[in-house]
Amino acid sequence: MTKIARALLDYDNPNSYVNSLRRQRMQHFRNLLEKLYHGQQLAILDVGGTYQYWFNSGLLDKNKCHLTLLNLSASLLPPGSSGFSAVAGNAMGLDYGDDSFDVVFSNSVIEHMGSRHGQRLMAAEVMRVGKAYYVQTPSYWFPLEPHSRIPFFQFVPRSIRALMIWKLRINYFPTKPTYRECLLQSDSTIMLTKREFQSLFPSAEIYVERLYGIDKSYTAYAGFPD
């Protein structure tokens, strides 16, 4: 990665522009949480989240929030990680009753449901179990596809993407033994336009992050006080 690209797009560089956008988004989320907090601990479900993400954000106040991290396999929490729980579950069928959490949070997960139907299922579950929600996804229109880190990869025809996955070493898309398996691997990430994302969360407001005027990510949020 060039110095310019690192300064702009490297998530491992805390001073990169994309990380400054993420900090602005998390401050937006913090402001929304403050509106919800009225002296009782808030229950937050993070679908697909990690302890490190929250530790790095510096956002979580264990006196104000308890955060449940839900992944396909329960993640290991470090010693002394009070304020956190880790559970196994599926975003397309959450094993919780309606309004079980004050907030459902998710960062860059809904594009990995494997199909448009899977995305609709996840969105419905988020809205069902959360009194409020805050769900982010990368923009389909941003030139650098964030999972492959290949420019315009999301615009490449499915058959050619699968061929590239089969023959090349691509970030986040490990190769598979057969072309058919690589087709499925290609379908494991389905990016969303703003209109498509809004259709999943029709009552939500959409927070848009832009880089040089181009939509970089979308966050749907609802259920927070005005």
Protein backbone atom coordinates (compact mmCIF):
# COMPACT_ATOMS: atom_id res chain seq x y z
CA MET A 1 0.00 0.00 0.00
CA THR A 2 1.41 3.37 -1.03
CA LYS A 3 1.93 6.18 1.48
CA ILE A 4 -1.01 8.07 -0.03
CA ALA A 5 -3.29 5.04 0.14
CA ARG A 6 -2.19 4.34 3.73
CA ALA A 7 -2.95 7.91 4.73
CA LEU A 8 -6.42 7.63 3.21
CA LEU A 9 -7.67 4.05 3.33
CA ASP A 10 -5.66 1.91 5.76
CA TYR A 11 -7.78 0.72 8.70
CA ASP A 12 -4.60 -0.37 10.49
CA ASN A 13 -3.36 3.21 10.48
CA PRO A 14 -5.09 5.09 13.33
CA ASN A 15 -4.40 8.40 11.59
CA SER A 16 -5.87 7.44 8.21
CA TYR A 17 -8.80 9.34 6.78
CA VAL A 18 -11.09 6.30 6.89
CA ASN A 19 -10.41 5.92 10.61
CA SER A 20 -11.21 9.58 11.16
CA LEU A 21 -14.57 8.92 9.44
CA ARG A 22 -15.11 5.90 11.70
CA ARG A 23 -14.39 8.03 14.78
CA GLN A 24 -16.95 10.59 13.60
CA ARG A 25 -19.51 7.82 13.14
CA MET A 26 -18.83 6.41 16.60
CA GLN A 27 -19.19 9.88 18.08
CA HIS A 28 -22.55 10.09 16.33
CA PHE A 29 -23.48 6.77 17.93
CA ARG A 30 -22.26 7.97 21.33
CA ASN A 31 -24.47 11.04 21.08
CA LEU A 32 -27.48 8.85 20.29
CA LEU A 33 -26.71 6.56 23.25
CA GLU A 34 -26.55 9.55 25.59
CA LYS A 35 -30.12 10.38 24.61
CA LEU A 36 -31.21 6.86 25.60
CA TYR A 37 -29.38 6.70 28.92
CA HIS A 38 -31.51 7.65 31.92
CA GLY A 39 -29.61 6.10 34.81
CA GLN A 40 -30.23 2.44 33.95
CA GLN A 41 -27.65 0.28 32.21
CA LEU A 42 -28.33 -0.06 28.47
CA ALA A 43 -28.35 -3.55 26.94
CA ILE A 44 -26.61 -3.52 23.53
CA LEU A 45 -26.38 -6.45 21.12
CA ASP A 46 -23.54 -6.23 18.60
CA VAL A 47 -24.22 -8.58 15.69
CA GLY A 48 -20.85 -9.73 14.36
CA GLY A 49 -18.80 -7.56 16.70
CA THR A 50 -15.51 -8.02 18.50
CA TYR A 51 -14.15 -6.95 21.85
CA GLN A 52 -11.17 -5.28 20.15
CA TYR A 53 -13.44 -3.07 18.06
CA TRP A 54 -15.08 -1.65 21.18
CA PHE A 55 -11.82 -1.46 23.13
CA ASN A 56 -10.26 0.57 20.31
CA SER A 57 -13.28 2.85 20.05
CA GLY A 58 -13.08 3.82 23.71
CA LEU A 59 -16.84 4.16 23.54
CA LEU A 60 -18.23 1.63 25.97
CA ASP A 61 -18.82 2.72 29.56
CA LYS A 62 -19.50 -0.46 31.52
CA ASN A 63 -21.40 1.55 34.10
CA LYS A 64 -23.84 2.69 31.42
CA CYS A 65 -23.89 -0.26 29.00
CA HIS A 66 -23.62 -4.02 28.85
CA LEU A 67 -22.63 -5.29 25.44
CA THR A 68 -23.39 -8.76 24.07
CA LEU A 69 -21.18 -9.83 21.15
CA LEU A 70 -22.97 -12.28 18.85
CA ASN A 71 -21.06 -14.29 16.25
CA LEU A 72 -21.46 -17.69 14.57
CA SER A 73 -19.06 -18.97 17.24
CA ALA A 74 -18.82 -17.26 20.61
CA SER A 75 -15.68 -15.15 20.72
CA LEU A 76 -13.18 -15.42 23.56
CA LEU A 77 -13.12 -12.43 25.86
CA PRO A 78 -9.93 -11.33 27.59
CA PRO A 79 -9.67 -11.44 31.39
CA GLY A 80 -11.26 -8.46 33.09
CA SER A 81 -13.60 -7.65 30.22
CA SER A 82 -16.50 -6.71 32.46
CA GLY A 83 -19.39 -5.15 30.62
CA PHE A 84 -19.20 -7.77 27.85
CA SER A 85 -20.79 -11.12 27.08
CA ALA A 86 -20.07 -13.35 24.08
CA VAL A 87 -22.65 -15.69 22.54
CA ALA A 88 -23.07 -17.86 19.44
CA GLY A 89 -25.94 -17.15 17.09
CA ASN A 90 -27.10 -16.42 13.57
CA ALA A 91 -27.96 -12.89 12.45
CA MET A 92 -30.74 -14.24 10.21
CA GLY A 93 -32.52 -15.88 13.15
CA LEU A 94 -31.74 -14.27 16.50
CA ASP A 95 -32.70 -16.35 19.52
CA TYR A 96 -34.20 -13.44 21.45
CA GLY A 97 -37.69 -12.12 22.03
CA ASP A 98 -39.03 -8.88 20.63
CA ASP A 99 -37.42 -5.72 22.06
CA SER A 100 -34.91 -7.75 24.08
CA PHE A 101 -32.19 -5.09 23.72
CA ASP A 102 -32.17 -1.34 24.05
CA VAL A 103 -29.93 -1.15 20.96
CA VAL A 104 -28.83 -3.56 18.26
CA PHE A 105 -25.54 -2.51 16.67
CA SER A 106 -23.79 -3.98 13.64
CA ASN A 107 -20.76 -2.90 11.64
CA SER A 108 -20.05 -4.24 8.13
CA VAL A 109 -21.96 -7.50 8.57
CA ILE A 110 -25.22 -7.30 6.59
CA GLU A 111 -23.35 -7.45 3.26
CA HIS A 112 -22.11 -10.93 4.27
CA MET A 113 -25.50 -12.68 4.53
CA GLY A 114 -24.92 -14.52 1.24
CA SER A 115 -28.08 -13.37 -0.56
CA ARG A 116 -30.60 -10.54 -0.75
CA HIS A 117 -33.02 -12.79 1.11
CA GLY A 118 -30.48 -13.26 3.89
CA GLN A 119 -30.03 -9.50 4.15
CA ARG A 120 -33.78 -9.04 4.51
CA LEU A 121 -33.88 -11.68 7.23
CA MET A 122 -31.07 -10.00 9.18
CA ALA A 123 -32.68 -6.57 8.88
CA ALA A 124 -36.01 -7.93 10.11
CA GLU A 125 -34.34 -9.59 13.09
CA VAL A 126 -32.42 -6.43 14.01
CA MET A 127 -35.63 -4.40 13.99
CA ARG A 128 -37.49 -7.10 15.93
CA VAL A 129 -35.12 -7.62 18.87
CA GLY A 130 -33.92 -4.03 19.24
CA LYS A 131 -35.88 -1.10 20.57
CA ALA A 132 -33.35 0.96 18.62
CA TYR A 133 -30.72 -0.04 16.09
CA TYR A 134 -27.55 1.26 14.43
CA VAL A 135 -26.43 -0.78 11.41
CA GLN A 136 -23.57 0.13 9.07
CA THR A 137 -22.54 -1.22 5.66
CA PRO A 138 -19.98 -0.12 3.04
CA SER A 139 -21.32 1.67 -0.03
CA TYR A 140 -21.58 -0.23 -3.31
CA TRP A 141 -20.48 2.93 -5.12
CA PHE A 142 -17.14 3.51 -3.39
CA PRO A 143 -14.39 2.77 -5.95
CA LEU A 144 -12.18 0.68 -3.65
CA GLU A 145 -14.08 -2.48 -2.72
CA PRO A 146 -13.20 -2.81 0.99
CA HIS A 147 -13.11 -6.60 1.28
CA SER A 148 -10.92 -7.41 -1.71
CA ARG A 149 -9.15 -4.02 -1.61
CA ILE A 150 -9.27 -4.13 -5.41
CA PRO A 151 -10.66 -1.04 -7.18
CA PHE A 152 -14.09 -1.63 -8.76
CA PHE A 153 -14.13 -5.32 -7.78
CA GLN A 154 -17.84 -5.09 -6.92
CA PHE A 155 -18.62 -4.07 -10.52
CA VAL A 156 -16.85 -7.06 -12.07
CA PRO A 157 -19.26 -9.74 -13.40
CA ARG A 158 -19.86 -12.58 -10.97
CA SER A 159 -18.25 -15.19 -13.23
CA ILE A 160 -15.05 -13.16 -13.59
CA ARG A 161 -14.91 -12.38 -9.85
CA ALA A 162 -15.07 -16.11 -9.19
CA LEU A 163 -12.26 -16.72 -11.67
CA MET A 164 -10.12 -14.08 -9.97
CA ILE A 165 -10.79 -15.66 -6.57
CA TRP A 166 -9.89 -19.08 -7.99
CA LYS A 167 -6.61 -17.99 -9.56
CA LEU A 168 -5.39 -15.09 -7.39
CA ARG A 169 -4.72 -14.44 -3.72
CA ILE A 170 -7.36 -11.84 -2.80
CA ASN A 171 -7.79 -10.27 0.60
CA TYR A 172 -10.86 -11.68 2.46
CA PHE A 173 -11.74 -14.03 -0.44
CA PRO A 174 -9.64 -17.17 0.11
CA THR A 175 -9.43 -19.39 -2.95
CA LYS A 176 -11.33 -22.66 -3.16
CA PRO A 177 -10.48 -25.94 -4.93
CA THR A 178 -13.11 -25.57 -7.68
CA TYR A 179 -14.56 -22.77 -9.79
CA ARG A 180 -18.08 -23.59 -8.52
CA GLU A 181 -16.96 -23.11 -4.92
CA CYS A 182 -15.36 -19.80 -5.91
CA LEU A 183 -18.70 -18.67 -7.33
CA LEU A 184 -20.21 -19.24 -3.90
CA GLN A 185 -17.27 -17.46 -2.30
CA SER A 186 -17.88 -14.49 -4.58
CA ASP A 187 -21.54 -14.40 -3.50
CA SER A 188 -20.55 -14.34 0.18
CA THR A 189 -20.28 -10.54 -0.02
CA ILE A 190 -23.11 -8.57 -1.62
CA MET A 191 -22.66 -4.81 -1.46
CA LEU A 192 -25.61 -2.42 -1.13
CA THR A 193 -26.57 0.89 -2.69
CA LYS A 194 -28.19 3.50 -0.48
CA ARG A 195 -31.59 2.77 -2.01
CA GLU A 196 -31.23 -0.97 -1.43
CA PHE A 197 -30.06 -0.40 2.14
CA GLN A 198 -32.92 2.00 2.87
CA SER A 199 -35.38 -0.61 1.57
CA LEU A 200 -34.13 -3.03 4.25
CA PHE A 201 -34.75 -0.42 6.98
CA PRO A 202 -37.64 1.66 5.59
CA SER A 203 -38.26 3.68 8.76
CA ALA A 204 -34.58 4.45 9.43
CA GLU A 205 -32.57 7.58 8.92
CA ILE A 206 -29.41 7.00 6.88
CA TYR A 207 -26.09 8.46 8.05
CA VAL A 208 -23.79 8.78 5.03
CA GLU A 209 -19.99 8.88 5.18
CA ARG A 210 -18.30 10.38 2.13
CA LEU A 211 -14.71 10.48 0.93
CA TYR A 212 -14.01 13.17 -1.67
CA GLY A 213 -17.75 13.48 -2.25
CA ILE A 214 -18.24 9.74 -2.94
CA ASP A 215 -20.46 7.66 -0.66
CA LYS A 216 -18.19 5.41 1.40
CA SER A 217 -20.62 3.83 3.86
CA TYR A 218 -24.20 3.97 5.07
CA THR A 219 -25.59 3.59 8.60
CA ALA A 220 -29.28 2.99 9.21
CA TYR A 221 -30.52 4.09 12.64
CA ALA A 222 -33.89 4.38 14.33
CA GLY A 223 -35.51 4.27 17.75
CA PHE A 224 -33.45 7.00 19.36
CA PRO A 225 -35.04 10.11 20.92
CA ASP A 226 -35.00 13.27 18.81
